[in-house]
Protein backbone atom coordinates (compact mmCIF):
# COMPACT_ATOMS: atom_id res chain seq x y z
CA MET A 1 97.66 98.71 80.53
CA LEU A 2 101.33 98.53 81.89
CA ILE A 3 103.16 101.69 83.49
CA PHE A 4 106.63 102.03 85.17
CA SER A 5 106.82 103.88 88.48
CA THR A 6 110.15 104.47 90.00
CA GLY A 7 111.58 101.11 90.37
CA VAL A 8 108.34 99.11 89.76
CA TYR A 9 106.30 97.86 86.84
CA LEU A 10 102.63 98.19 87.50
CA GLN A 11 99.87 96.43 85.55
CA SER A 12 96.06 97.18 85.73
CA GLU A 13 93.91 94.33 86.94
CA GLU A 14 90.21 93.93 87.40
CA CYS A 15 89.24 92.24 90.71
CA VAL A 16 86.36 91.79 93.10
CA ILE A 17 87.03 93.31 96.59
CA ASN A 18 84.13 93.00 99.27
CA GLY A 19 81.73 91.99 96.21
CA LYS A 20 82.36 95.15 94.30
CA LYS A 21 84.31 95.17 90.96
CA GLN A 22 87.46 97.42 90.86
CA CYS A 23 90.48 98.25 88.74
CA ARG A 24 93.69 98.16 90.85
CA TRP A 25 97.37 98.49 89.90
CA VAL A 26 99.39 95.17 90.50
CA ALA A 27 103.36 95.15 90.62
CA THR A 28 104.62 92.69 87.92
CA GLY A 29 108.18 93.54 88.28
CA PHE A 30 110.97 95.49 90.21
CA GLU A 31 114.11 97.54 89.32
CA ASP A 32 116.78 98.99 91.55
CA GLU A 33 117.10 98.42 95.25
CA SER A 34 114.15 97.81 97.55
CA PHE A 35 114.06 98.22 101.40
CA MET A 36 112.12 97.23 104.30
CA ASN A 37 112.79 98.60 107.73
CA GLY A 38 115.81 100.18 106.38
CA LYS A 39 117.57 96.88 105.05
CA GLU A 40 117.73 95.78 101.48
CA ILE A 41 115.37 93.21 100.22
CA ASN A 42 114.54 91.41 97.08
CA PRO A 43 110.34 91.73 96.57
CA VAL A 44 108.94 88.76 94.67
CA GLU A 45 106.21 89.57 92.32
CA TYR A 46 103.87 86.41 93.47
CA SER A 47 103.79 83.60 96.06
CA GLU A 48 101.33 81.45 97.78
CA LYS A 49 102.25 82.79 101.03
CA GLN A 50 102.57 86.67 102.14
CA GLU A 51 105.88 86.02 104.06
CA ASP A 52 107.39 84.64 100.67
CA LEU A 53 107.00 88.00 99.01
CA VAL A 54 110.06 89.26 100.31
CA LYS A 55 113.56 87.65 100.24
CA LYS A 56 116.08 89.03 102.62
CA PHE A 57 119.72 89.07 101.48
CA ASP A 58 122.17 87.19 103.59
CA LYS A 59 124.79 89.32 105.50
CA LYS A 60 128.33 88.93 104.08
């Protein structure tokens, strides 16, 4: 199952949290602008480290 919610594509995924099986929405793509702390950023769908999930735009 895949849905689009204002600016983000979400896919349902089954996972295990604290030993309990759950279904959760996982972001699989982004559209339009995204912001963090009032600054425009580029969210990344996946990475090996949490800090690599967001790319900040260089000031020009």
